[in-house]
Amino acid sequence: MFEYKGMKPTPNQYWQLLETVGRTSVMALSKEALRLAIDNSRQWVSVCDDNRLIGVGRLISDGALYEFVCDMIVLPEYQNRGIGGSILKMLREKCTEHNIQRVWLFEASG
């Protein structure tokens, strides 16, 4: 059974997810930039399978009107099991709790 947590991944966990889905080849990321991205996100949902991080989603926000869902990542071997949909649902619930007016999600090419 998968465990959904409202916690940040570590920089190494986050890097591994990004690398697994091919995002590190198109983004120039330093460890410091990665740490800042993690710390400056308003909300995280992390999904674990026996303490192994298998998926994440995060929100960045102005805190009042707009939020942006970004980095919806699920390891390829765990895709098509409803994990991404569950992450998105949890993030949208957080937006509703904070009376956010607009929530955006954009598809990344590839």
N, C-alpha and C. Protein backbone atom coordinates (compact mmCIF):
# COMPACT_ATOMS: atom_id res chain seq x y z
N MET A 1 0.84 -1.19 0.00
CA MET A 1 0.00 0.00 0.00
C MET A 1 0.88 1.25 0.00
N PHE A 2 0.48 2.23 -0.75
CA PHE A 2 1.26 3.44 -0.87
C PHE A 2 0.91 4.39 0.27
N GLU A 3 1.92 5.13 0.71
CA GLU A 3 1.72 6.11 1.79
C GLU A 3 1.89 7.52 1.21
N TYR A 4 0.85 8.34 1.36
CA TYR A 4 0.86 9.72 0.88
C TYR A 4 1.15 10.63 2.07
N LYS A 5 2.15 11.49 1.91
CA LYS A 5 2.58 12.36 3.00
C LYS A 5 2.68 13.80 2.51
N GLY A 6 2.36 14.73 3.37
CA GLY A 6 2.55 16.14 3.06
C GLY A 6 3.93 16.58 3.48
N MET A 7 4.94 15.99 2.86
CA MET A 7 6.32 16.32 3.24
C MET A 7 7.18 16.58 2.02
N LYS A 8 8.23 17.36 2.24
CA LYS A 8 9.20 17.64 1.19
C LYS A 8 10.12 16.45 1.00
N PRO A 9 10.54 16.20 -0.23
CA PRO A 9 11.59 15.20 -0.44
C PRO A 9 12.94 15.82 -0.08
N THR A 10 13.93 15.01 0.12
CA THR A 10 15.29 15.53 0.28
C THR A 10 15.79 15.93 -1.11
N PRO A 11 16.80 16.77 -1.18
CA PRO A 11 17.35 17.11 -2.50
C PRO A 11 17.78 15.88 -3.31
N ASN A 12 18.38 14.90 -2.65
CA ASN A 12 18.81 13.69 -3.36
C ASN A 12 17.61 12.90 -3.88
N GLN A 13 16.55 12.77 -3.09
CA GLN A 13 15.35 12.06 -3.53
C GLN A 13 14.72 12.77 -4.72
N TYR A 14 14.63 14.09 -4.62
CA TYR A 14 14.03 14.89 -5.67
C TYR A 14 14.84 14.76 -6.97
N TRP A 15 16.16 14.86 -6.85
CA TRP A 15 17.04 14.72 -8.01
C TRP A 15 16.84 13.36 -8.67
N GLN A 16 16.76 12.30 -7.88
CA GLN A 16 16.58 10.96 -8.43
C GLN A 16 15.27 10.85 -9.21
N LEU A 17 14.20 11.44 -8.69
CA LEU A 17 12.94 11.42 -9.42
C LEU A 17 13.06 12.19 -10.74
N LEU A 18 13.62 13.39 -10.67
CA LEU A 18 13.81 14.19 -11.88
C LEU A 18 14.67 13.45 -12.90
N GLU A 19 15.70 12.82 -12.43
CA GLU A 19 16.61 12.09 -13.33
C GLU A 19 15.91 10.89 -13.97
N THR A 20 15.11 10.19 -13.20
CA THR A 20 14.43 8.99 -13.68
C THR A 20 13.48 9.30 -14.83
N VAL A 21 12.85 10.47 -14.79
CA VAL A 21 11.90 10.83 -15.85
C VAL A 21 12.52 11.73 -16.92
N GLY A 22 13.85 11.88 -16.88
CA GLY A 22 14.56 12.61 -17.93
C GLY A 22 14.55 14.11 -17.80
N ARG A 23 14.18 14.65 -16.65
CA ARG A 23 14.12 16.11 -16.51
C ARG A 23 15.47 16.75 -16.28
N THR A 24 16.44 16.01 -15.72
CA THR A 24 17.74 16.62 -15.43
C THR A 24 18.53 16.91 -16.69
N SER A 25 18.22 16.23 -17.80
CA SER A 25 18.95 16.47 -19.04
C SER A 25 18.54 17.78 -19.71
N VAL A 26 17.37 18.33 -19.34
CA VAL A 26 16.91 19.57 -19.96
C VAL A 26 16.96 20.77 -19.01
N MET A 27 17.36 20.54 -17.77
CA MET A 27 17.42 21.63 -16.79
C MET A 27 18.82 21.67 -16.18
N ALA A 28 19.38 22.85 -16.09
CA ALA A 28 20.67 23.02 -15.41
C ALA A 28 20.38 23.30 -13.95
N LEU A 29 20.61 22.31 -13.11
CA LEU A 29 20.28 22.45 -11.69
C LEU A 29 21.51 22.25 -10.82
N SER A 30 21.75 23.20 -9.95
CA SER A 30 22.77 23.02 -8.93
C SER A 30 22.08 22.46 -7.68
N LYS A 31 22.85 21.93 -6.77
CA LYS A 31 22.29 21.44 -5.50
C LYS A 31 21.59 22.58 -4.77
N GLU A 32 22.17 23.78 -4.83
CA GLU A 32 21.58 24.93 -4.14
C GLU A 32 20.24 25.32 -4.78
N ALA A 33 20.18 25.33 -6.11
CA ALA A 33 18.92 25.65 -6.79
C ALA A 33 17.85 24.62 -6.45
N LEU A 34 18.23 23.38 -6.40
CA LEU A 34 17.29 22.31 -6.07
C LEU A 34 16.78 22.49 -4.64
N ARG A 35 17.67 22.79 -3.71
CA ARG A 35 17.27 23.01 -2.31
C ARG A 35 16.32 24.20 -2.20
N LEU A 36 16.60 25.28 -2.94
CA LEU A 36 15.72 26.45 -2.92
C LEU A 36 14.34 26.12 -3.48
N ALA A 37 14.30 25.36 -4.56
CA ALA A 37 13.02 24.97 -5.14
C ALA A 37 12.20 24.16 -4.14
N ILE A 38 12.86 23.26 -3.44
CA ILE A 38 12.17 22.44 -2.43
C ILE A 38 11.65 23.32 -1.30
N ASP A 39 12.53 24.14 -0.75
CA ASP A 39 12.16 24.95 0.42
C ASP A 39 11.15 26.04 0.11
N ASN A 40 11.16 26.57 -1.11
CA ASN A 40 10.26 27.67 -1.45
C ASN A 40 8.91 27.24 -2.00
N SER A 41 8.69 25.95 -2.08
CA SER A 41 7.38 25.45 -2.50
C SER A 41 6.44 25.50 -1.30
N ARG A 42 5.17 25.88 -1.56
CA ARG A 42 4.23 26.04 -0.45
C ARG A 42 3.75 24.70 0.10
N GLN A 43 3.54 23.75 -0.78
CA GLN A 43 2.98 22.47 -0.34
C GLN A 43 3.56 21.34 -1.16
N TRP A 44 3.82 20.23 -0.52
CA TRP A 44 4.31 19.02 -1.18
C TRP A 44 3.40 17.86 -0.87
N VAL A 45 3.27 16.95 -1.80
CA VAL A 45 2.72 15.63 -1.54
C VAL A 45 3.78 14.65 -2.03
N SER A 46 4.22 13.80 -1.12
CA SER A 46 5.20 12.77 -1.46
C SER A 46 4.55 11.41 -1.27
N VAL A 47 4.85 10.50 -2.17
CA VAL A 47 4.27 9.16 -2.10
C VAL A 47 5.41 8.15 -1.95
N CYS A 48 5.24 7.27 -0.96
CA CYS A 48 6.27 6.27 -0.68
C CYS A 48 5.69 4.87 -0.78
N ASP A 49 6.54 3.97 -1.17
CA ASP A 49 6.24 2.54 -1.16
C ASP A 49 7.35 1.90 -0.33
N ASP A 50 7.01 1.45 0.87
CA ASP A 50 8.02 0.90 1.80
C ASP A 50 9.21 1.85 1.97
N ASN A 51 8.92 3.10 2.28
CA ASN A 51 9.92 4.15 2.52
C ASN A 51 10.72 4.56 1.28
N ARG A 52 10.37 4.06 0.12
CA ARG A 52 11.00 4.49 -1.13
C ARG A 52 10.12 5.56 -1.76
N LEU A 53 10.70 6.72 -2.04
CA LEU A 53 9.95 7.79 -2.69
C LEU A 53 9.66 7.40 -4.13
N ILE A 54 8.38 7.34 -4.47
CA ILE A 54 7.99 6.91 -5.83
C ILE A 54 7.26 8.00 -6.60
N GLY A 55 6.88 9.09 -5.92
CA GLY A 55 6.18 10.17 -6.61
C GLY A 55 6.09 11.42 -5.77
N VAL A 56 5.96 12.55 -6.45
CA VAL A 56 5.79 13.84 -5.76
C VAL A 56 4.93 14.77 -6.62
N GLY A 57 4.42 15.78 -5.97
CA GLY A 57 3.78 16.91 -6.61
C GLY A 57 3.95 18.08 -5.66
N ARG A 58 4.00 19.29 -6.21
CA ARG A 58 4.17 20.45 -5.34
C ARG A 58 3.39 21.64 -5.85
N LEU A 59 3.16 22.58 -4.95
CA LEU A 59 2.48 23.83 -5.27
C LEU A 59 3.42 25.00 -5.03
N ILE A 60 3.43 25.93 -5.97
CA ILE A 60 4.04 27.23 -5.73
C ILE A 60 2.91 28.25 -5.83
N SER A 61 3.02 29.34 -5.06
CA SER A 61 1.85 30.19 -4.88
C SER A 61 2.20 31.62 -4.52
N ASP A 62 1.22 32.52 -4.78
CA ASP A 62 1.32 33.87 -4.23
C ASP A 62 0.64 33.91 -2.86
N GLY A 63 0.02 32.81 -2.46
CA GLY A 63 -0.57 32.69 -1.14
C GLY A 63 -1.98 33.22 -1.00
N ALA A 64 -2.53 33.80 -2.06
CA ALA A 64 -3.86 34.38 -1.94
C ALA A 64 -4.76 34.06 -3.12
N LEU A 65 -4.26 34.25 -4.33
CA LEU A 65 -5.10 34.10 -5.51
C LEU A 65 -4.74 32.91 -6.39
N TYR A 66 -3.45 32.71 -6.63
CA TYR A 66 -3.01 31.76 -7.64
C TYR A 66 -2.06 30.72 -7.08
N GLU A 67 -2.23 29.50 -7.58
CA GLU A 67 -1.27 28.44 -7.28
C GLU A 67 -0.98 27.69 -8.57
N PHE A 68 0.21 27.18 -8.63
CA PHE A 68 0.68 26.45 -9.80
C PHE A 68 1.13 25.07 -9.34
N VAL A 69 0.56 24.05 -9.93
CA VAL A 69 0.96 22.68 -9.66
C VAL A 69 2.15 22.38 -10.55
N CYS A 70 3.24 21.96 -9.96
CA CYS A 70 4.40 21.65 -10.79
C CYS A 70 5.10 20.38 -10.29
N ASP A 71 5.91 19.87 -11.16
CA ASP A 71 6.70 18.66 -10.89
C ASP A 71 5.86 17.50 -10.39
N MET A 72 4.81 17.21 -11.12
CA MET A 72 4.05 15.99 -10.87
C MET A 72 4.88 14.85 -11.45
N ILE A 73 5.50 14.07 -10.59
CA ILE A 73 6.40 13.02 -11.04
C ILE A 73 6.03 11.71 -10.34
N VAL A 74 5.90 10.66 -11.14
CA VAL A 74 5.72 9.31 -10.61
C VAL A 74 6.71 8.42 -11.35
N LEU A 75 7.45 7.62 -10.61
CA LEU A 75 8.40 6.72 -11.25
C LEU A 75 7.70 5.88 -12.31
N PRO A 76 8.36 5.67 -13.44
CA PRO A 76 7.72 4.94 -14.54
C PRO A 76 7.10 3.60 -14.15
N GLU A 77 7.75 2.84 -13.30
CA GLU A 77 7.21 1.53 -12.93
C GLU A 77 5.97 1.60 -12.04
N TYR A 78 5.64 2.81 -11.56
CA TYR A 78 4.45 3.02 -10.73
C TYR A 78 3.36 3.81 -11.45
N GLN A 79 3.61 4.18 -12.68
CA GLN A 79 2.62 4.96 -13.42
C GLN A 79 1.42 4.09 -13.80
N ASN A 80 0.32 4.76 -14.11
CA ASN A 80 -0.94 4.12 -14.50
C ASN A 80 -1.57 3.31 -13.36
N ARG A 81 -1.35 3.78 -12.12
CA ARG A 81 -1.96 3.16 -10.95
C ARG A 81 -2.79 4.16 -10.15
N GLY A 82 -3.00 5.34 -10.72
CA GLY A 82 -3.80 6.35 -10.03
C GLY A 82 -3.03 7.22 -9.05
N ILE A 83 -1.74 7.04 -8.97
CA ILE A 83 -0.93 7.80 -8.00
C ILE A 83 -0.90 9.28 -8.36
N GLY A 84 -0.64 9.60 -9.62
CA GLY A 84 -0.62 11.00 -10.05
C GLY A 84 -1.95 11.68 -9.81
N GLY A 85 -3.04 11.00 -10.10
CA GLY A 85 -4.38 11.55 -9.85
C GLY A 85 -4.61 11.81 -8.37
N SER A 86 -4.13 10.91 -7.53
CA SER A 86 -4.29 11.10 -6.08
C SER A 86 -3.45 12.27 -5.58
N ILE A 87 -2.24 12.40 -6.11
CA ILE A 87 -1.40 13.56 -5.74
C ILE A 87 -2.11 14.85 -6.12
N LEU A 88 -2.62 14.91 -7.35
CA LEU A 88 -3.30 16.11 -7.83
C LEU A 88 -4.53 16.43 -6.98
N LYS A 89 -5.29 15.42 -6.63
CA LYS A 89 -6.47 15.63 -5.79
C LYS A 89 -6.08 16.21 -4.43
N MET A 90 -5.03 15.69 -3.83
CA MET A 90 -4.58 16.20 -2.53
C MET A 90 -4.10 17.65 -2.64
N LEU A 91 -3.39 17.97 -3.71
CA LEU A 91 -2.93 19.35 -3.89
C LEU A 91 -4.10 20.30 -4.11
N ARG A 92 -5.08 19.87 -4.89
CA ARG A 92 -6.27 20.71 -5.12
C ARG A 92 -7.04 20.93 -3.81
N GLU A 93 -7.11 19.92 -2.97
CA GLU A 93 -7.77 20.08 -1.67
C GLU A 93 -7.07 21.13 -0.82
N LYS A 94 -5.74 21.15 -0.88
CA LYS A 94 -4.98 22.19 -0.15
C LYS A 94 -5.31 23.58 -0.69
N CYS A 95 -5.47 23.70 -1.99
CA CYS A 95 -5.83 24.98 -2.59
C CYS A 95 -7.21 25.42 -2.09
N THR A 96 -8.15 24.49 -2.06
CA THR A 96 -9.50 24.80 -1.59
C THR A 96 -9.47 25.25 -0.13
N GLU A 97 -8.69 24.57 0.70
CA GLU A 97 -8.57 24.93 2.12
C GLU A 97 -8.08 26.36 2.29
N HIS A 98 -7.25 26.83 1.37
CA HIS A 98 -6.67 28.18 1.47
C HIS A 98 -7.39 29.19 0.58
N ASN A 99 -8.56 28.83 0.08
CA ASN A 99 -9.39 29.73 -0.73
C ASN A 99 -8.65 30.30 -1.94
N ILE A 100 -7.82 29.50 -2.56
CA ILE A 100 -7.11 29.92 -3.76
C ILE A 100 -8.10 30.00 -4.91
N GLN A 101 -8.04 31.08 -5.67
CA GLN A 101 -8.99 31.34 -6.74
C GLN A 101 -8.70 30.59 -8.03
N ARG A 102 -7.44 30.45 -8.38
CA ARG A 102 -7.05 29.81 -9.63
C ARG A 102 -5.91 28.82 -9.36
N VAL A 103 -6.03 27.64 -9.94
CA VAL A 103 -4.99 26.61 -9.84
C VAL A 103 -4.61 26.22 -11.26
N TRP A 104 -3.33 26.28 -11.57
CA TRP A 104 -2.86 25.99 -12.91
C TRP A 104 -1.96 24.76 -12.91
N LEU A 105 -2.09 24.01 -13.97
CA LEU A 105 -1.24 22.86 -14.23
C LEU A 105 -0.94 22.85 -15.72
N PHE A 106 0.33 22.89 -16.08
CA PHE A 106 0.73 22.87 -17.46
C PHE A 106 1.51 21.60 -17.75
N GLU A 107 1.32 21.09 -18.93
CA GLU A 107 2.02 19.90 -19.36
C GLU A 107 3.41 20.26 -19.86
N ALA A 108 4.40 19.48 -19.44
CA ALA A 108 5.75 19.66 -19.95
C ALA A 108 5.91 18.78 -21.18
N SER A 109 6.45 19.33 -22.24
CA SER A 109 6.64 18.52 -23.44
C SER A 109 7.58 17.37 -23.15
N GLY A 110 7.31 16.24 -23.78
CA GLY A 110 8.15 15.07 -23.59
C GLY A 110 7.76 14.31 -22.35
